[in-house]
Amino acid sequence: MVDPVRSPPPGFDELPVDEQIDYLQALWDRIAAHPERVPVPEWHLKELRRREDVYRVAPEKVSPWEEVRERILRRRDRDT
């Protein structure tokens, strides 16, 4: 099992938070540059299959991303 609280590289904790964020973003960019190397958890695949099945059975119950995003943004704006 992977240790959930791994130690950061030396000096990381001494960096200002904005530089820590930049460092993490740079790491993520390195990973994201090769998406084919990123393993997809089995539960993600199962969830995608489940959603595809829902769409096949009742496509009218599925919303496009743009509509979902707008609902989320409206809800966020209403609640803030």
Protein backbone atom coordinates (compact mmCIF):
# COMPACT_ATOMS: atom_id res chain seq x y z
CA MET A 1 0.00 0.00 0.00
CA VAL A 2 1.21 3.52 -0.81
CA ASP A 3 1.94 5.75 2.18
CA PRO A 4 -0.75 8.49 1.95
CA VAL A 5 1.51 11.07 3.63
CA ARG A 6 4.76 10.72 1.74
CA SER A 7 7.52 13.16 2.50
CA PRO A 8 7.98 15.89 -0.10
CA PRO A 9 11.37 16.48 -1.67
CA PRO A 10 13.91 18.31 0.49
CA GLY A 11 13.22 22.03 0.69
CA PHE A 12 9.59 21.77 -0.44
CA ASP A 13 8.13 22.72 2.95
CA GLU A 14 10.31 25.82 3.09
CA LEU A 15 8.95 27.17 -0.20
CA PRO A 16 6.19 29.79 -0.14
CA VAL A 17 2.79 28.26 -0.85
CA ASP A 18 2.57 29.83 -4.33
CA GLU A 19 5.89 28.16 -5.25
CA GLN A 20 4.68 24.85 -3.80
CA ILE A 21 1.61 25.12 -6.03
CA ASP A 22 3.80 25.94 -9.06
CA TYR A 23 5.95 22.91 -8.27
CA LEU A 24 2.91 20.64 -8.03
CA GLN A 25 1.51 22.06 -11.27
CA ALA A 26 4.81 21.36 -13.01
CA LEU A 27 4.73 17.76 -11.74
CA TRP A 28 1.15 17.35 -12.93
CA ASP A 29 2.05 18.81 -16.34
CA ARG A 30 4.83 16.21 -16.67
CA ILE A 31 2.37 13.42 -15.87
CA ALA A 32 -0.38 14.82 -18.09
CA ALA A 33 2.00 15.10 -21.04
CA HIS A 34 1.80 11.29 -21.33
CA PRO A 35 -1.80 10.29 -20.52
CA GLU A 36 -1.24 6.84 -21.95
CA ARG A 37 1.05 6.11 -18.98
CA VAL A 38 -1.60 7.00 -16.38
CA PRO A 39 -3.39 3.88 -15.20
CA VAL A 40 -7.18 4.01 -15.21
CA PRO A 41 -8.68 2.47 -12.08
CA GLU A 42 -11.11 -0.36 -12.72
CA TRP A 43 -13.87 1.50 -10.89
CA HIS A 44 -13.57 4.36 -13.41
CA LEU A 45 -14.07 1.94 -16.27
CA LYS A 46 -17.07 0.36 -14.52
CA GLU A 47 -18.61 3.78 -13.94
CA LEU A 48 -18.11 4.73 -17.59
CA ARG A 49 -19.78 1.49 -18.70
CA ARG A 50 -22.65 2.11 -16.29
CA ARG A 51 -23.17 5.60 -17.69
CA GLU A 52 -23.03 4.33 -21.25
CA ASP A 53 -25.71 1.78 -20.35
CA VAL A 54 -27.92 4.52 -18.88
CA TYR A 55 -27.47 6.54 -22.06
CA ARG A 56 -28.38 3.60 -24.30
CA VAL A 57 -31.55 2.88 -22.32
CA ALA A 58 -32.70 6.48 -21.82
CA PRO A 59 -30.68 9.08 -23.74
CA GLU A 60 -33.23 11.76 -22.81
CA LYS A 61 -32.15 11.42 -19.15
CA VAL A 62 -28.57 12.38 -19.93
CA SER A 63 -27.37 16.00 -20.14
CA PRO A 64 -24.50 17.31 -22.23
CA TRP A 65 -21.50 18.62 -20.33
CA GLU A 66 -22.27 22.25 -21.23
CA GLU A 67 -25.70 22.03 -19.55
CA VAL A 68 -24.31 20.30 -16.48
CA ARG A 69 -21.58 22.91 -16.17
CA GLU A 70 -24.11 25.75 -16.41
CA ARG A 71 -26.29 24.16 -13.70
CA ILE A 72 -23.27 23.79 -11.43
CA LEU A 73 -22.19 27.40 -11.99
CA ARG A 74 -25.73 28.73 -11.40
CA ARG A 75 -26.01 26.70 -8.18
CA ARG A 76 -22.59 27.92 -7.03
CA ASP A 77 -23.50 31.55 -7.75
CA ARG A 78 -26.85 31.19 -5.99
CA ASP A 79 -25.27 29.63 -2.89
CA THR A 80 -22.49 32.19 -2.52
